[in-house]
Amino acid sequence: MIPYGKQNITQDDIDAVVESLHSIYLTQGLKLRNLKMLLHNI
């Protein structure tokens, strides 16, 4: 198999995902709002 890319996933990235999965606001809330703002500003 020919690799097509290499990911750079840090422990901070993993911790952020785990924190979100443990939250009661999985599909809404502050983290989603922040993500939307970041994507809007690209």
C-alpha atoms as a PDB file:
ATOM      1  CA  MET A   1       0.000   0.000   0.000  1.00  0.00           C
ATOM      2  CA  ILE A   2       1.292   3.435  -0.917  1.00  0.00           C
ATOM      3  CA  PRO A   3       0.816   5.989   1.880  1.00  0.00           C
ATOM      4  CA  TYR A   4      -0.928   9.129   0.659  1.00  0.00           C
ATOM      5  CA  GLY A   5      -0.539  11.298   3.729  1.00  0.00           C
ATOM      6  CA  LYS A   6       0.676  11.401   7.266  1.00  0.00           C
ATOM      7  CA  GLN A   7      -1.470  12.613  10.128  1.00  0.00           C
ATOM      8  CA  ASN A   8      -0.166  14.679  12.989  1.00  0.00           C
ATOM      9  CA  ILE A   9      -2.495  13.843  15.868  1.00  0.00           C
ATOM     10  CA  THR A  10      -1.271  15.036  19.239  1.00  0.00           C
ATOM     11  CA  GLN A  11      -2.315  13.974  22.706  1.00  0.00           C
ATOM     12  CA  ASP A  12      -4.093  17.345  23.023  1.00  0.00           C
ATOM     13  CA  ASP A  13      -6.190  16.432  19.961  1.00  0.00           C
ATOM     14  CA  ILE A  14      -7.086  13.063  21.470  1.00  0.00           C
ATOM     15  CA  ASP A  15      -7.917  14.645  24.829  1.00  0.00           C
ATOM     16  CA  ALA A  16     -10.216  17.189  23.138  1.00  0.00           C
ATOM     17  CA  VAL A  17     -12.113  14.426  21.324  1.00  0.00           C
ATOM     18  CA  VAL A  18     -12.476  12.355  24.486  1.00  0.00           C
ATOM     19  CA  GLU A  19     -13.669  15.420  26.410  1.00  0.00           C
ATOM     20  CA  SER A  20     -16.296  16.086  23.747  1.00  0.00           C
ATOM     21  CA  LEU A  21     -17.471  12.473  23.766  1.00  0.00           C
ATOM     22  CA  HIS A  22     -17.961  12.616  27.531  1.00  0.00           C
ATOM     23  CA  SER A  23     -19.937  15.864  27.288  1.00  0.00           C
ATOM     24  CA  ILE A  24     -23.728  15.919  27.336  1.00  0.00           C
ATOM     25  CA  TYR A  25     -23.524  18.393  24.430  1.00  0.00           C
ATOM     26  CA  LEU A  26     -22.195  16.084  21.725  1.00  0.00           C
ATOM     27  CA  THR A  27     -24.018  17.742  18.807  1.00  0.00           C
ATOM     28  CA  GLN A  28     -24.346  21.262  20.169  1.00  0.00           C
ATOM     29  CA  GLY A  29     -22.765  23.560  22.685  1.00  0.00           C
ATOM     30  CA  LEU A  30     -19.675  25.707  23.030  1.00  0.00           C
ATOM     31  CA  LYS A  31     -17.211  23.451  21.201  1.00  0.00           C
ATOM     32  CA  LEU A  32     -19.458  23.218  18.146  1.00  0.00           C
ATOM     33  CA  ARG A  33     -19.990  26.972  18.132  1.00  0.00           C
ATOM     34  CA  ASN A  34     -16.214  27.505  18.315  1.00  0.00           C
ATOM     35  CA  LEU A  35     -15.674  25.057  15.447  1.00  0.00           C
ATOM     36  CA  LYS A  36     -18.258  26.855  13.307  1.00  0.00           C
ATOM     37  CA  MET A  37     -16.546  30.177  13.966  1.00  0.00           C
ATOM     38  CA  LEU A  38     -13.142  28.729  13.035  1.00  0.00           C
ATOM     39  CA  LEU A  39     -14.504  27.269   9.811  1.00  0.00           C
ATOM     40  CA  HIS A  40     -16.312  30.512   8.993  1.00  0.00           C
ATOM     41  CA  ASN A  41     -13.063  32.457   9.276  1.00  0.00           C
ATOM     42  CA  ILE A  42     -11.104  30.252   6.838  1.00  0.00           C
END
